[in-house]
Amino acid sequence: MRYALIVGVVLSVALGITVVVLGGADDSPGLQLIGVMLVLCAVVFGIRNLRGRN
């Protein structure tokens, strides 16, 4: 189960970085914000679930 969580977080971060880069190429600040929020939420979600949320 931990492996699936780590893979999901890594894929979400990769997708978020891709969205930020594509938003920069298209000069779209909204798309860049969505990408940054996706990365931040994936990292926070992953850390909270790996630590055990006590």
Protein backbone atom coordinates (compact mmCIF):
# COMPACT_ATOMS: atom_id res chain seq x y z
CA MET A 1 0.00 0.00 0.00
CA ARG A 2 2.86 2.35 0.78
CA TYR A 3 4.34 1.71 -2.65
CA ALA A 4 1.08 2.73 -4.37
CA LEU A 5 0.94 5.92 -2.31
CA ILE A 6 4.51 6.86 -3.21
CA VAL A 7 3.91 6.16 -6.90
CA GLY A 8 0.73 8.25 -6.84
CA VAL A 9 2.49 11.19 -5.20
CA VAL A 10 5.40 11.02 -7.66
CA LEU A 11 3.03 10.90 -10.64
CA SER A 12 1.01 13.81 -9.27
CA VAL A 13 4.14 15.88 -8.76
CA ALA A 14 5.32 15.07 -12.29
CA LEU A 15 1.92 16.05 -13.70
CA GLY A 16 1.96 19.29 -11.70
CA ILE A 17 5.41 20.21 -12.97
CA THR A 18 4.30 19.47 -16.52
CA VAL A 19 1.24 21.71 -16.09
CA VAL A 20 3.42 24.54 -14.74
CA VAL A 21 5.79 24.28 -17.71
CA LEU A 22 2.93 24.17 -20.22
CA GLY A 23 1.26 27.11 -18.49
CA GLY A 24 4.50 29.08 -18.76
CA ALA A 25 4.82 28.30 -22.46
CA ASP A 26 1.25 29.47 -23.06
CA ASP A 27 1.62 32.45 -20.66
CA SER A 28 -1.31 31.26 -18.57
CA PRO A 29 -1.01 32.20 -14.88
CA GLY A 30 -4.13 30.25 -13.95
CA LEU A 31 -2.76 27.01 -15.37
CA GLN A 32 0.53 27.59 -13.55
CA LEU A 33 -1.33 28.12 -10.28
CA ILE A 34 -3.23 24.87 -10.78
CA GLY A 35 0.07 23.06 -11.35
CA VAL A 36 1.66 24.54 -8.22
CA MET A 37 -1.38 23.67 -6.13
CA LEU A 38 -1.35 20.11 -7.49
CA VAL A 39 2.31 19.70 -6.50
CA LEU A 40 1.81 21.19 -3.03
CA CYS A 41 -1.30 19.15 -2.29
CA ALA A 42 0.33 15.92 -3.47
CA VAL A 43 3.38 16.50 -1.27
CA VAL A 44 1.30 17.39 1.79
CA PHE A 45 -1.03 14.43 1.23
CA GLY A 46 1.91 12.05 0.83
CA ILE A 47 3.72 13.28 3.93
CA ARG A 48 0.62 13.15 6.10
CA ASN A 49 -0.25 9.63 5.03
CA LEU A 50 3.28 8.27 5.29
CA ARG A 51 3.70 9.67 8.81
CA GLY A 52 0.45 8.10 10.00
CA ARG A 53 -1.66 11.13 10.97
CA ASN A 54 -1.63 10.71 14.74
